[in-house]
N, C-alpha and C. Protein backbone atom coordinates (compact mmCIF):
# COMPACT_ATOMS: atom_id res chain seq x y z
N MET A 1 -10.01 -18.76 17.90
CA MET A 1 -8.51 -18.70 17.22
C MET A 1 -9.70 -18.77 15.46
N GLY A 2 -9.27 -18.13 14.58
CA GLY A 2 -9.98 -18.02 13.33
C GLY A 2 -9.04 -19.52 12.35
N VAL A 3 -10.22 -19.61 11.30
CA VAL A 3 -10.20 -21.14 10.51
C VAL A 3 -10.07 -20.41 9.27
N GLN A 4 -8.65 -20.05 8.58
CA GLN A 4 -8.76 -19.96 7.22
C GLN A 4 -8.62 -21.35 6.34
N THR A 5 -8.76 -21.19 5.02
CA THR A 5 -8.60 -22.31 3.48
C THR A 5 -7.53 -21.45 3.01
N VAL A 6 -6.33 -22.36 2.80
CA VAL A 6 -5.24 -21.78 1.95
C VAL A 6 -5.10 -22.43 0.56
N ARG A 7 -5.44 -22.52 -0.36
CA ARG A 7 -4.79 -22.91 -1.50
C ARG A 7 -3.50 -22.71 -1.76
N LEU A 8 -2.89 -23.33 -1.80
CA LEU A 8 -1.04 -23.45 -1.98
C LEU A 8 -0.55 -24.11 -3.78
N PRO A 9 0.37 -23.51 -4.38
CA PRO A 9 0.71 -24.13 -5.39
C PRO A 9 1.32 -25.38 -4.94
N ASP A 10 1.18 -26.28 -5.90
CA ASP A 10 2.06 -27.45 -5.57
C ASP A 10 3.43 -27.95 -5.28
N GLN A 11 4.05 -26.91 -5.54
CA GLN A 11 5.56 -26.85 -5.13
C GLN A 11 5.92 -26.71 -3.53
N ILE A 12 4.84 -25.74 -3.18
CA ILE A 12 5.11 -24.86 -1.94
C ILE A 12 4.14 -25.78 -0.97
N ALA A 13 3.45 -26.80 -1.10
CA ALA A 13 2.60 -27.46 -0.51
C ALA A 13 3.53 -28.50 -0.09
N ARG A 14 4.43 -28.93 -1.15
CA ARG A 14 4.95 -30.30 -1.11
C ARG A 14 6.31 -29.64 -0.18
N ARG A 15 6.76 -28.59 -0.13
CA ARG A 15 7.98 -27.98 0.78
C ARG A 15 7.44 -28.00 1.96
N LEU A 16 6.20 -27.51 2.20
CA LEU A 16 5.75 -27.24 3.99
C LEU A 16 5.55 -28.72 4.34
N ASP A 17 4.98 -29.76 3.55
CA ASP A 17 4.90 -30.96 3.81
C ASP A 17 5.88 -31.68 4.34
N LYS A 18 6.86 -31.20 3.94
CA LYS A 18 8.04 -32.09 4.09
C LYS A 18 9.12 -31.67 5.49
N LEU A 19 8.71 -29.85 5.48
CA LEU A 19 9.32 -29.39 6.54
C LEU A 19 8.77 -30.15 8.07
N ALA A 20 7.89 -30.13 7.70
CA ALA A 20 6.71 -29.96 9.03
C ALA A 20 7.30 -31.26 9.11
N LYS A 21 7.03 -32.77 8.47
CA LYS A 21 7.52 -34.15 8.91
C LYS A 21 8.76 -33.95 9.52
N SER A 22 10.13 -33.18 9.05
CA SER A 22 11.49 -33.20 9.42
C SER A 22 11.45 -32.73 10.58
N THR A 23 10.26 -32.06 10.79
CA THR A 23 10.25 -31.31 12.52
C THR A 23 9.79 -31.76 13.25
N LYS A 24 8.86 -32.50 12.79
CA LYS A 24 7.67 -33.09 13.56
C LYS A 24 6.92 -31.63 14.22
N ARG A 25 6.43 -30.74 13.56
CA ARG A 25 5.64 -29.65 13.82
C ARG A 25 4.89 -29.27 13.04
N SER A 26 3.58 -28.79 12.76
CA SER A 26 2.61 -29.18 12.33
C SER A 26 2.60 -27.88 11.02
N LYS A 27 2.23 -28.39 10.00
CA LYS A 27 2.01 -27.12 8.84
C LYS A 27 1.28 -26.03 9.23
N SER A 28 0.13 -26.03 10.15
CA SER A 28 0.04 -24.67 10.31
C SER A 28 0.63 -23.89 11.46
N SER A 29 1.71 -24.15 12.19
CA SER A 29 2.82 -23.43 13.07
C SER A 29 3.41 -22.79 11.97
N PHE A 30 4.01 -23.35 10.94
CA PHE A 30 4.61 -22.77 10.11
C PHE A 30 4.16 -21.44 8.94
N ILE A 31 2.65 -21.72 8.72
CA ILE A 31 1.88 -20.86 8.33
C ILE A 31 1.53 -19.60 9.09
N VAL A 32 1.50 -19.81 10.34
CA VAL A 32 1.21 -18.97 11.06
C VAL A 32 2.54 -17.83 11.35
N GLU A 33 3.84 -18.45 11.59
CA GLU A 33 4.83 -17.90 11.79
C GLU A 33 5.31 -17.47 10.49
N ALA A 34 4.88 -17.63 9.27
CA ALA A 34 5.43 -17.16 7.81
C ALA A 34 4.48 -16.14 7.84
N LEU A 35 3.31 -16.00 8.13
CA LEU A 35 2.34 -14.79 8.29
C LEU A 35 2.57 -13.86 9.06
N GLU A 36 2.80 -13.94 10.67
CA GLU A 36 3.33 -12.92 11.32
C GLU A 36 4.82 -12.28 11.21
N LEU A 37 5.68 -13.01 10.74
CA LEU A 37 6.58 -12.39 9.94
C LEU A 37 6.04 -11.57 8.92
N TYR A 38 5.82 -11.98 7.74
CA TYR A 38 5.23 -11.01 6.75
C TYR A 38 4.30 -10.05 7.35
N LEU A 39 3.51 -9.77 8.04
CA LEU A 39 2.90 -8.98 8.41
C LEU A 39 3.53 -7.65 9.46
N ASP A 40 4.27 -8.30 10.29
CA ASP A 40 5.60 -7.63 10.97
C ASP A 40 6.25 -6.70 9.93
N GLU A 41 6.69 -7.26 8.77
CA GLU A 41 7.42 -6.72 7.73
C GLU A 41 6.61 -5.66 7.08
N ARG A 42 5.26 -6.14 6.45
CA ARG A 42 4.23 -4.90 6.02
C ARG A 42 4.01 -3.96 6.77
N ASP A 43 4.19 -4.09 8.30
CA ASP A 43 3.77 -2.89 9.03
C ASP A 43 4.56 -2.05 8.83
N ASP A 44 6.08 -2.75 8.97
CA ASP A 44 7.29 -1.51 8.70
C ASP A 44 7.42 -1.16 7.48
N LEU A 45 7.31 -1.41 6.80
CA LEU A 45 7.04 -0.56 5.39
C LEU A 45 5.85 0.36 5.28
N GLU A 46 4.54 0.11 5.76
CA GLU A 46 3.30 0.97 6.03
C GLU A 46 3.93 2.59 6.47
N THR A 47 4.87 1.64 7.67
CA THR A 47 5.11 3.06 8.77
C THR A 47 6.05 3.49 7.63
N ALA A 48 6.96 3.29 7.46
CA ALA A 48 8.41 4.14 6.56
C ALA A 48 7.57 4.92 5.59
N LEU A 49 6.41 4.29 4.41
CA LEU A 49 6.12 5.18 3.30
C LEU A 49 5.16 6.07 4.16
N ALA A 50 4.46 6.03 5.29
CA ALA A 50 3.98 7.14 5.43
C ALA A 50 5.25 8.45 6.24
N ARG A 51 6.24 7.57 6.35
CA ARG A 51 7.00 8.79 7.00
C ARG A 51 7.96 9.82 5.81
N VAL A 52 7.90 8.62 5.01
CA VAL A 52 8.50 9.64 3.14
C VAL A 52 7.43 10.37 2.94
N ARG A 53 6.08 9.60 3.00
CA ARG A 53 5.44 10.80 2.62
C ARG A 53 4.85 12.17 2.81
N GLU A 54 5.60 12.24 4.52
CA GLU A 54 5.55 12.86 5.13
C GLU A 54 5.76 14.57 4.14
N PRO A 55 5.02 15.44 4.17
CA PRO A 55 5.51 16.55 3.60
C PRO A 55 6.59 17.37 4.37
N ARG A 56 6.15 17.28 5.40
CA ARG A 56 7.29 18.32 6.18
C ARG A 56 8.44 17.77 6.78
N ALA A 57 8.63 16.01 6.13
CA ALA A 57 9.68 15.63 6.53
C ALA A 57 11.17 15.75 6.39
N GLU A 58 11.96 15.90 7.45
CA GLU A 58 13.50 16.28 6.63
C GLU A 58 14.46 15.18 6.79
N TYR A 59 15.30 15.32 5.73
CA TYR A 59 16.24 13.91 5.71
C TYR A 59 17.86 14.59 5.42
N LEU A 60 18.53 13.29 6.01
CA LEU A 60 19.83 13.92 6.01
C LEU A 60 20.39 12.70 5.04
N ASP A 61 21.89 13.73 4.03
CA ASP A 61 22.28 12.45 3.51
C ASP A 61 23.34 11.95 3.98
N HIS A 62 23.79 10.63 3.04
CA HIS A 62 24.70 9.95 3.74
C HIS A 62 25.81 10.48 4.63
N ASP A 63 26.22 11.78 4.03
CA ASP A 63 27.66 12.26 4.62
C ASP A 63 27.11 12.89 5.81
N GLU A 64 26.00 13.63 5.90
CA GLU A 64 25.54 14.39 7.47
C GLU A 64 25.45 13.62 8.29
N VAL A 65 25.11 12.20 8.08
CA VAL A 65 24.42 11.32 8.89
C VAL A 65 25.80 10.84 9.61
N LYS A 66 26.95 10.42 8.74
CA LYS A 66 28.24 10.28 9.56
C LYS A 66 28.56 11.24 10.08
N ARG A 67 28.75 12.72 9.88
CA ARG A 67 29.05 13.59 10.84
C ARG A 67 28.42 13.68 12.18
N ALA A 68 27.23 13.44 11.72
CA ALA A 68 26.15 13.30 13.06
C ALA A 68 26.68 12.38 13.97
N LEU A 69 27.08 11.72 13.60
CA LEU A 69 27.45 10.12 14.24
C LEU A 69 28.91 10.27 14.82
N GLY A 70 29.61 10.97 14.11
CA GLY A 70 30.97 11.15 14.53
C GLY A 70 31.84 9.93 14.15
N LEU A 71 31.22 9.97 12.44
CA LEU A 71 31.80 8.59 11.90
C LEU A 71 32.93 9.34 10.69
N ASP A 72 32.60 10.30 10.45
CA ASP A 72 33.75 10.92 9.45
C ASP A 72 35.17 11.48 9.74
């Protein structure tokens, strides 16, 4: 397992400390959880941007999607 040093703004550090104490979990567990969520979201964003940039991509407008799903 890798070790990283992170400098946190005082306000975030205080909030993290309070949360860790109130839940009896380590600060590291919250940092890992937050990074996992962020990285998952970032991966999704990169995938979406790659699809939008695809020159041969085809798009449907809102009304076309509703018709295709039988929602009109």
